[in-house]
Structures are given as C-alpha cells and as structure tokens.
C-alpha cells in the first residue's frame, strides 16, 4: 500500500511539473496568471481524486498509476498512447504561446464571468486561457 501511495504522489507531482513547464516555458514568463489559476484548480481536483482513490478504491488507483506507452502491450496502443501524450502536452503549449505572442485578448472580467442559460443566477466559472 505504501508503494502505491508513493507512486501516486510522485506521479501527481510529475504531472504538475510537466504541465507547469509546458505552460510557463511556452509563455516565456511566470506572469501568466491564467496558468497559475489553472494549475491551482487542476492540482486541487487531481489531488482530491487521488486521495479519494487511496481511501476507497486502491485497485482502481493501481490501474491508473500504470499509464502511457510503456504500460501498453500492443504496438498500436503504444503508438496511440504516444500520440495522446504529445497532444496532451500541446493543450498546454498553445495557451502559453497565445499568452507570449498575444494572439487573442480577452479582459479578465470576461474570463471569470459566464452566465449559463440553464441557471437562474450567474455562476463564476474557471478562468479560460484566452
């Protein structure tokens, strides 16, 4: 059990490090406030899910710790996992490049305020990268 928890925590730290590097290196600045907010929300949600799985479903957690191309046995699945990893990192590189080169500009108030039509009152949504 201790080994599973250690692997889970190390995997979570590695994931956050990779995401942070992709965001901030592509942005060329640590002043990218959208990325800081995203990292905080993403890390909190991921940590809560990991803690839940540690407490209630360690079998599922053990299967989730084995990820990526090395966890797959079929060549086609290894290729698919490799491509999925590249595209996943791309999801964080593009917003960083957008911040760096100012491809799009949206006022912060618009990033934070969204009023879904199905709700009666406004709801603050997570900030967006644009």
N, C-alpha and C. Protein backbone atom coordinates (compact mmCIF):
# COMPACT_ATOMS: atom_id res chain seq x y z
N UNK A 1 0.82 -1.20 0.00
CA UNK A 1 0.00 0.00 0.00
C UNK A 1 0.86 1.26 0.00
N UNK A 2 1.92 1.27 0.81
CA UNK A 2 2.81 2.43 0.87
C UNK A 2 3.45 2.74 -0.47
N UNK A 3 3.81 1.68 -1.19
CA UNK A 3 4.41 1.86 -2.50
C UNK A 3 3.42 2.47 -3.49
N UNK A 4 2.16 2.05 -3.41
CA UNK A 4 1.12 2.59 -4.28
C UNK A 4 0.89 4.07 -4.01
N UNK A 5 0.84 4.43 -2.75
CA UNK A 5 0.64 5.84 -2.38
C UNK A 5 1.82 6.68 -2.85
N UNK A 6 3.03 6.17 -2.66
CA UNK A 6 4.23 6.89 -3.10
C UNK A 6 4.23 7.07 -4.62
N UNK A 7 3.90 6.00 -5.36
CA UNK A 7 3.82 6.10 -6.82
C UNK A 7 2.78 7.11 -7.25
N UNK A 8 1.64 7.12 -6.55
CA UNK A 8 0.57 8.05 -6.88
C UNK A 8 0.99 9.50 -6.66
N UNK A 9 1.60 9.75 -5.52
CA UNK A 9 2.04 11.12 -5.20
C UNK A 9 3.14 11.56 -6.16
N UNK A 10 4.11 10.69 -6.43
CA UNK A 10 5.18 11.04 -7.38
C UNK A 10 4.62 11.27 -8.78
N UNK A 11 3.66 10.46 -9.18
CA UNK A 11 3.02 10.66 -10.48
C UNK A 11 2.29 11.99 -10.56
N UNK A 12 1.62 12.35 -9.48
CA UNK A 12 0.91 13.62 -9.42
C UNK A 12 1.88 14.80 -9.49
N UNK A 13 2.97 14.71 -8.74
CA UNK A 13 3.98 15.77 -8.77
C UNK A 13 4.60 15.88 -10.16
N UNK A 14 4.90 14.73 -10.77
CA UNK A 14 5.48 14.74 -12.12
C UNK A 14 4.51 15.38 -13.12
N UNK A 15 3.23 15.02 -13.03
CA UNK A 15 2.22 15.59 -13.93
C UNK A 15 2.15 17.10 -13.78
N UNK A 16 2.10 17.58 -12.54
CA UNK A 16 2.01 19.02 -12.31
C UNK A 16 3.27 19.74 -12.83
N UNK A 17 4.42 19.10 -12.65
CA UNK A 17 5.66 19.69 -13.13
C UNK A 17 5.67 19.80 -14.66
N UNK A 18 5.24 18.73 -15.33
CA UNK A 18 5.19 18.74 -16.80
C UNK A 18 4.22 19.79 -17.31
N UNK A 19 3.05 19.86 -16.70
CA UNK A 19 2.04 20.85 -17.12
C UNK A 19 2.57 22.27 -16.88
N UNK A 20 3.16 22.50 -15.71
CA UNK A 20 3.70 23.82 -15.41
C UNK A 20 4.81 24.21 -16.38
N UNK A 21 5.70 23.28 -16.66
CA UNK A 21 6.77 23.57 -17.63
C UNK A 21 6.22 23.88 -19.01
N UNK A 22 5.24 23.10 -19.45
CA UNK A 22 4.64 23.35 -20.77
C UNK A 22 3.99 24.72 -20.82
N UNK A 23 3.29 25.09 -19.76
CA UNK A 23 2.61 26.39 -19.73
C UNK A 23 3.60 27.55 -19.66
N UNK A 24 4.52 27.50 -18.71
CA UNK A 24 5.36 28.67 -18.46
C UNK A 24 6.54 28.79 -19.42
N UNK A 25 7.09 27.67 -19.89
CA UNK A 25 8.16 27.78 -20.88
C UNK A 25 7.62 28.32 -22.20
N UNK A 26 6.45 27.83 -22.61
CA UNK A 26 5.88 28.33 -23.87
C UNK A 26 5.42 29.78 -23.71
N UNK A 27 5.00 30.18 -22.51
CA UNK A 27 4.58 31.57 -22.28
C UNK A 27 5.78 32.50 -22.15
N UNK A 28 6.92 31.93 -21.76
CA UNK A 28 8.12 32.75 -21.60
C UNK A 28 8.07 33.66 -20.39
N UNK A 29 7.16 33.37 -19.46
CA UNK A 29 7.01 34.24 -18.29
C UNK A 29 6.26 33.50 -17.18
N UNK A 30 6.61 33.84 -15.96
CA UNK A 30 5.85 33.33 -14.82
C UNK A 30 4.68 34.25 -14.47
N UNK A 31 4.51 35.33 -15.24
CA UNK A 31 3.43 36.29 -15.01
C UNK A 31 2.11 35.85 -15.65
N UNK A 32 2.08 34.69 -16.20
CA UNK A 32 0.89 34.16 -16.88
C UNK A 32 -0.13 33.73 -15.82
N UNK A 33 -0.94 34.68 -15.33
CA UNK A 33 -1.83 34.43 -14.20
C UNK A 33 -2.87 33.37 -14.49
N UNK A 34 -3.30 33.29 -15.75
CA UNK A 34 -4.29 32.26 -16.12
C UNK A 34 -3.73 30.86 -15.82
N UNK A 35 -2.45 30.69 -16.11
CA UNK A 35 -1.81 29.40 -15.89
C UNK A 35 -1.73 29.07 -14.40
N UNK A 36 -1.45 30.06 -13.58
CA UNK A 36 -1.39 29.83 -12.14
C UNK A 36 -2.75 29.40 -11.60
N UNK A 37 -3.79 30.07 -12.07
CA UNK A 37 -5.15 29.70 -11.62
C UNK A 37 -5.49 28.30 -12.11
N UNK A 38 -5.18 28.01 -13.37
CA UNK A 38 -5.47 26.69 -13.91
C UNK A 38 -4.72 25.61 -13.12
N UNK A 39 -3.44 25.83 -12.87
CA UNK A 39 -2.65 24.85 -12.12
C UNK A 39 -3.23 24.61 -10.73
N UNK A 40 -3.65 25.67 -10.07
CA UNK A 40 -4.23 25.53 -8.73
C UNK A 40 -5.50 24.70 -8.77
N UNK A 41 -6.38 24.99 -9.71
CA UNK A 41 -7.64 24.24 -9.83
C UNK A 41 -7.37 22.80 -10.23
N UNK A 42 -6.52 22.60 -11.22
CA UNK A 42 -6.21 21.26 -11.73
C UNK A 42 -5.53 20.42 -10.64
N UNK A 43 -4.57 21.01 -9.94
CA UNK A 43 -3.86 20.28 -8.88
C UNK A 43 -4.81 19.91 -7.75
N UNK A 44 -5.68 20.83 -7.37
CA UNK A 44 -6.64 20.55 -6.30
C UNK A 44 -7.58 19.42 -6.68
N UNK A 45 -8.13 19.48 -7.87
CA UNK A 45 -9.06 18.43 -8.32
C UNK A 45 -8.35 17.08 -8.43
N UNK A 46 -7.16 17.07 -8.99
CA UNK A 46 -6.41 15.83 -9.15
C UNK A 46 -6.02 15.25 -7.79
N UNK A 47 -5.61 16.12 -6.88
CA UNK A 47 -5.25 15.66 -5.54
C UNK A 47 -6.46 15.07 -4.81
N UNK A 48 -7.61 15.72 -4.92
CA UNK A 48 -8.82 15.22 -4.27
C UNK A 48 -9.23 13.85 -4.83
N UNK A 49 -9.14 13.70 -6.13
CA UNK A 49 -9.47 12.41 -6.75
C UNK A 49 -8.49 11.34 -6.28
N UNK A 50 -7.21 11.68 -6.24
CA UNK A 50 -6.19 10.72 -5.79
C UNK A 50 -6.43 10.32 -4.33
N UNK A 51 -6.74 11.29 -3.49
CA UNK A 51 -7.00 10.98 -2.08
C UNK A 51 -8.24 10.08 -1.94
N UNK A 52 -9.25 10.35 -2.74
CA UNK A 52 -10.46 9.52 -2.71
C UNK A 52 -10.12 8.08 -3.10
N UNK A 53 -9.35 7.92 -4.17
CA UNK A 53 -8.99 6.58 -4.63
C UNK A 53 -8.09 5.87 -3.62
N UNK A 54 -7.21 6.59 -2.95
CA UNK A 54 -6.37 5.97 -1.92
C UNK A 54 -7.25 5.41 -0.79
N UNK A 55 -8.27 6.16 -0.45
CA UNK A 55 -9.12 5.74 0.66
C UNK A 55 -10.14 4.67 0.27
N UNK A 56 -10.75 4.78 -0.93
CA UNK A 56 -11.89 3.93 -1.25
C UNK A 56 -11.68 2.90 -2.36
N UNK A 57 -10.71 3.10 -3.25
CA UNK A 57 -10.57 2.17 -4.38
C UNK A 57 -9.12 2.08 -4.83
N UNK A 58 -8.32 1.39 -4.04
CA UNK A 58 -6.90 1.28 -4.36
C UNK A 58 -6.65 0.40 -5.58
N UNK A 59 -7.58 -0.49 -5.89
CA UNK A 59 -7.44 -1.31 -7.10
C UNK A 59 -7.50 -0.43 -8.34
N UNK A 60 -8.47 0.48 -8.36
CA UNK A 60 -8.58 1.41 -9.49
C UNK A 60 -7.36 2.32 -9.55
N UNK A 61 -6.92 2.79 -8.40
CA UNK A 61 -5.74 3.65 -8.36
C UNK A 61 -4.51 2.93 -8.91
N UNK A 62 -4.35 1.66 -8.54
CA UNK A 62 -3.21 0.88 -9.03
C UNK A 62 -3.24 0.77 -10.55
N UNK A 63 -4.44 0.64 -11.12
CA UNK A 63 -4.53 0.54 -12.58
C UNK A 63 -4.27 1.89 -13.24
N UNK A 64 -4.57 2.98 -12.53
CA UNK A 64 -4.35 4.33 -13.08
C UNK A 64 -2.90 4.77 -12.97
N UNK A 65 -2.15 4.17 -12.07
CA UNK A 65 -0.74 4.53 -11.92
C UNK A 65 0.07 4.02 -13.11
N UNK A 66 -0.35 2.91 -13.68
CA UNK A 66 0.33 2.36 -14.85
C UNK A 66 -0.25 3.02 -16.10
N UNK A 67 0.45 4.02 -16.62
CA UNK A 67 -0.06 4.78 -17.76
C UNK A 67 1.01 4.95 -18.82
N UNK A 68 0.57 5.40 -19.97
CA UNK A 68 1.49 5.74 -21.05
C UNK A 68 1.84 4.57 -21.93
N UNK A 69 2.70 4.82 -22.91
CA UNK A 69 3.07 3.80 -23.89
C UNK A 69 3.73 2.57 -23.26
N UNK A 70 4.48 2.76 -22.18
CA UNK A 70 5.18 1.63 -21.58
C UNK A 70 4.22 0.67 -20.88
N UNK A 71 3.03 1.14 -20.53
CA UNK A 71 2.05 0.28 -19.86
C UNK A 71 1.27 -0.58 -20.85
N UNK A 72 1.35 -0.24 -22.13
CA UNK A 72 0.60 -0.97 -23.15
C UNK A 72 1.43 -2.13 -23.71
N UNK A 73 0.74 -3.20 -24.06
CA UNK A 73 1.44 -4.37 -24.61
C UNK A 73 1.35 -4.42 -26.13
N UNK A 74 0.29 -3.87 -26.70
CA UNK A 74 0.12 -3.90 -28.16
C UNK A 74 0.81 -2.68 -28.78
N UNK A 75 1.46 -2.91 -29.91
CA UNK A 75 2.18 -1.84 -30.61
C UNK A 75 1.25 -0.69 -31.00
N UNK A 76 0.05 -1.02 -31.49
CA UNK A 76 -0.89 0.02 -31.91
C UNK A 76 -1.29 0.89 -30.72
N UNK A 77 -1.48 0.28 -29.57
CA UNK A 77 -1.85 1.04 -28.37
C UNK A 77 -0.69 1.90 -27.88
N UNK A 78 0.53 1.42 -28.06
CA UNK A 78 1.70 2.22 -27.69
C UNK A 78 1.78 3.48 -28.55
N UNK A 79 1.49 3.32 -29.83
CA UNK A 79 1.51 4.47 -30.75
C UNK A 79 0.41 5.45 -30.37
N UNK A 80 -0.77 4.94 -30.11
CA UNK A 80 -1.90 5.80 -29.74
C UNK A 80 -1.60 6.55 -28.44
N UNK A 81 -1.04 5.86 -27.46
CA UNK A 81 -0.69 6.50 -26.20
C UNK A 81 0.39 7.56 -26.38
N UNK A 82 1.36 7.29 -27.25
CA UNK A 82 2.41 8.28 -27.52
C UNK A 82 1.81 9.53 -28.15
N UNK A 83 0.94 9.34 -29.12
CA UNK A 83 0.29 10.49 -29.76
C UNK A 83 -0.60 11.24 -28.76
N UNK A 84 -1.30 10.51 -27.92
CA UNK A 84 -2.15 11.15 -26.92
C UNK A 84 -1.31 12.01 -25.97
N UNK A 85 -0.12 11.52 -25.60
CA UNK A 85 0.77 12.29 -24.74
C UNK A 85 1.23 13.58 -25.41
N UNK A 86 1.58 13.49 -26.68
CA UNK A 86 2.02 14.67 -27.43
C UNK A 86 0.90 15.70 -27.50
N UNK A 87 -0.31 15.24 -27.85
CA UNK A 87 -1.44 16.17 -27.95
C UNK A 87 -1.82 16.74 -26.58
N UNK A 88 -1.69 15.94 -25.53
CA UNK A 88 -1.99 16.42 -24.18
C UNK A 88 -1.06 17.58 -23.82
N UNK A 89 0.23 17.43 -24.09
CA UNK A 89 1.18 18.50 -23.80
C UNK A 89 0.89 19.71 -24.68
N UNK A 90 0.48 19.46 -25.92
CA UNK A 90 0.12 20.55 -26.82
C UNK A 90 -1.02 21.40 -26.29
N UNK A 91 -1.92 20.78 -25.53
CA UNK A 91 -3.02 21.54 -24.93
C UNK A 91 -2.53 22.63 -23.98
N UNK A 92 -1.33 22.48 -23.47
CA UNK A 92 -0.78 23.47 -22.54
C UNK A 92 0.24 24.38 -23.22
N UNK A 93 0.84 23.91 -24.29
CA UNK A 93 1.81 24.74 -25.01
C UNK A 93 1.10 25.85 -25.78
N UNK A 94 -0.01 25.54 -26.42
CA UNK A 94 -0.72 26.53 -27.23
C UNK A 94 -1.18 27.73 -26.40
N UNK A 95 -1.80 27.53 -25.23
CA UNK A 95 -2.17 28.72 -24.43
C UNK A 95 -0.95 29.54 -24.00
N UNK A 96 0.17 28.87 -23.71
CA UNK A 96 1.38 29.61 -23.37
C UNK A 96 1.86 30.46 -24.53
N UNK A 97 1.84 29.89 -25.72
CA UNK A 97 2.23 30.66 -26.90
C UNK A 97 1.25 31.80 -27.16
N UNK A 98 -0.02 31.55 -26.90
CA UNK A 98 -1.04 32.59 -27.05
C UNK A 98 -0.74 33.76 -26.10
N UNK A 99 -0.36 33.44 -24.88
CA UNK A 99 0.00 34.49 -23.92
C UNK A 99 1.24 35.24 -24.39
N UNK A 100 2.23 34.51 -24.84
CA UNK A 100 3.50 35.12 -25.24
C UNK A 100 3.34 36.05 -26.44
N UNK A 101 2.61 35.59 -27.46
CA UNK A 101 2.51 36.35 -28.70
C UNK A 101 1.24 37.18 -28.81
N UNK A 102 0.41 37.16 -27.75
CA UNK A 102 -0.81 37.96 -27.72
C UNK A 102 -1.72 37.70 -28.92
N UNK A 103 -1.91 36.43 -29.23
CA UNK A 103 -2.77 36.07 -30.35
C UNK A 103 -4.22 36.47 -30.09
N UNK A 104 -4.64 36.38 -28.86
CA UNK A 104 -6.01 36.76 -28.51
C UNK A 104 -5.99 37.52 -27.20
N UNK A 105 -6.91 38.46 -27.07
CA UNK A 105 -7.00 39.22 -25.83
C UNK A 105 -8.46 39.25 -25.37
N UNK A 106 -8.65 38.89 -24.14
CA UNK A 106 -9.96 38.93 -23.52
C UNK A 106 -9.78 39.56 -22.15
N UNK A 107 -10.58 40.54 -21.80
CA UNK A 107 -10.45 41.15 -20.47
C UNK A 107 -10.66 40.12 -19.36
N UNK A 108 -9.93 40.25 -18.25
CA UNK A 108 -10.07 39.29 -17.16
C UNK A 108 -11.50 39.12 -16.66
N UNK A 109 -12.27 40.19 -16.68
CA UNK A 109 -13.65 40.09 -16.20
C UNK A 109 -14.46 39.12 -17.07
N UNK A 110 -14.14 39.06 -18.35
CA UNK A 110 -14.84 38.13 -19.25
C UNK A 110 -14.35 36.70 -18.99
N UNK A 111 -13.08 36.55 -18.66
CA UNK A 111 -12.54 35.23 -18.37
C UNK A 111 -13.22 34.60 -17.16
N UNK A 112 -13.59 35.42 -16.20
CA UNK A 112 -14.17 34.90 -14.97
C UNK A 112 -15.69 34.84 -14.95
N UNK A 113 -16.34 35.58 -15.82
CA UNK A 113 -17.80 35.64 -15.73
C UNK A 113 -18.46 34.95 -16.91
N UNK A 114 -19.25 33.96 -16.57
CA UNK A 114 -20.03 33.25 -17.57
C UNK A 114 -21.38 32.98 -16.94
N UNK A 115 -22.43 33.25 -17.66
CA UNK A 115 -23.76 33.01 -17.13
C UNK A 115 -24.41 31.91 -17.97
N UNK A 116 -24.41 30.69 -17.46
CA UNK A 116 -25.08 29.62 -18.21
C UNK A 116 -26.57 29.89 -18.32
N UNK A 117 -27.15 29.56 -19.45
CA UNK A 117 -28.56 29.82 -19.69
C UNK A 117 -29.48 28.94 -18.84
N UNK A 118 -29.00 27.80 -18.40
CA UNK A 118 -29.85 26.89 -17.65
C UNK A 118 -29.90 27.23 -16.16
N UNK A 119 -29.15 28.21 -15.71
CA UNK A 119 -29.16 28.59 -14.30
C UNK A 119 -29.91 29.91 -14.13
N UNK A 120 -30.49 30.11 -12.99
CA UNK A 120 -31.22 31.36 -12.72
C UNK A 120 -30.29 32.48 -12.28
N UNK A 121 -29.18 32.14 -11.69
CA UNK A 121 -28.27 33.17 -11.21
C UNK A 121 -26.88 32.96 -11.82
N UNK A 122 -26.10 34.03 -11.91
CA UNK A 122 -24.76 33.91 -12.50
C UNK A 122 -23.87 32.97 -11.70
N UNK A 123 -23.01 32.29 -12.41
CA UNK A 123 -22.07 31.36 -11.80
C UNK A 123 -20.68 31.72 -12.28
N UNK A 124 -19.72 31.83 -11.35
CA UNK A 124 -18.35 32.11 -11.75
C UNK A 124 -17.73 30.80 -12.22
N UNK A 125 -17.25 30.79 -13.42
CA UNK A 125 -16.62 29.60 -13.98
C UNK A 125 -15.11 29.74 -13.85
N UNK A 126 -14.42 28.63 -14.05
CA UNK A 126 -12.96 28.65 -14.04
C UNK A 126 -12.45 29.55 -15.15
N UNK A 127 -11.37 30.24 -14.92
CA UNK A 127 -10.84 31.14 -15.97
C UNK A 127 -10.42 30.36 -17.20
N UNK A 128 -10.47 31.04 -18.30
CA UNK A 128 -10.10 30.44 -19.57
C UNK A 128 -8.74 30.95 -20.00
N UNK A 129 -8.13 30.27 -20.93
CA UNK A 129 -6.80 30.66 -21.38
C UNK A 129 -6.82 31.79 -22.40
N UNK A 130 -7.95 32.17 -22.88
CA UNK A 130 -7.97 33.21 -23.90
C UNK A 130 -8.40 34.54 -23.36
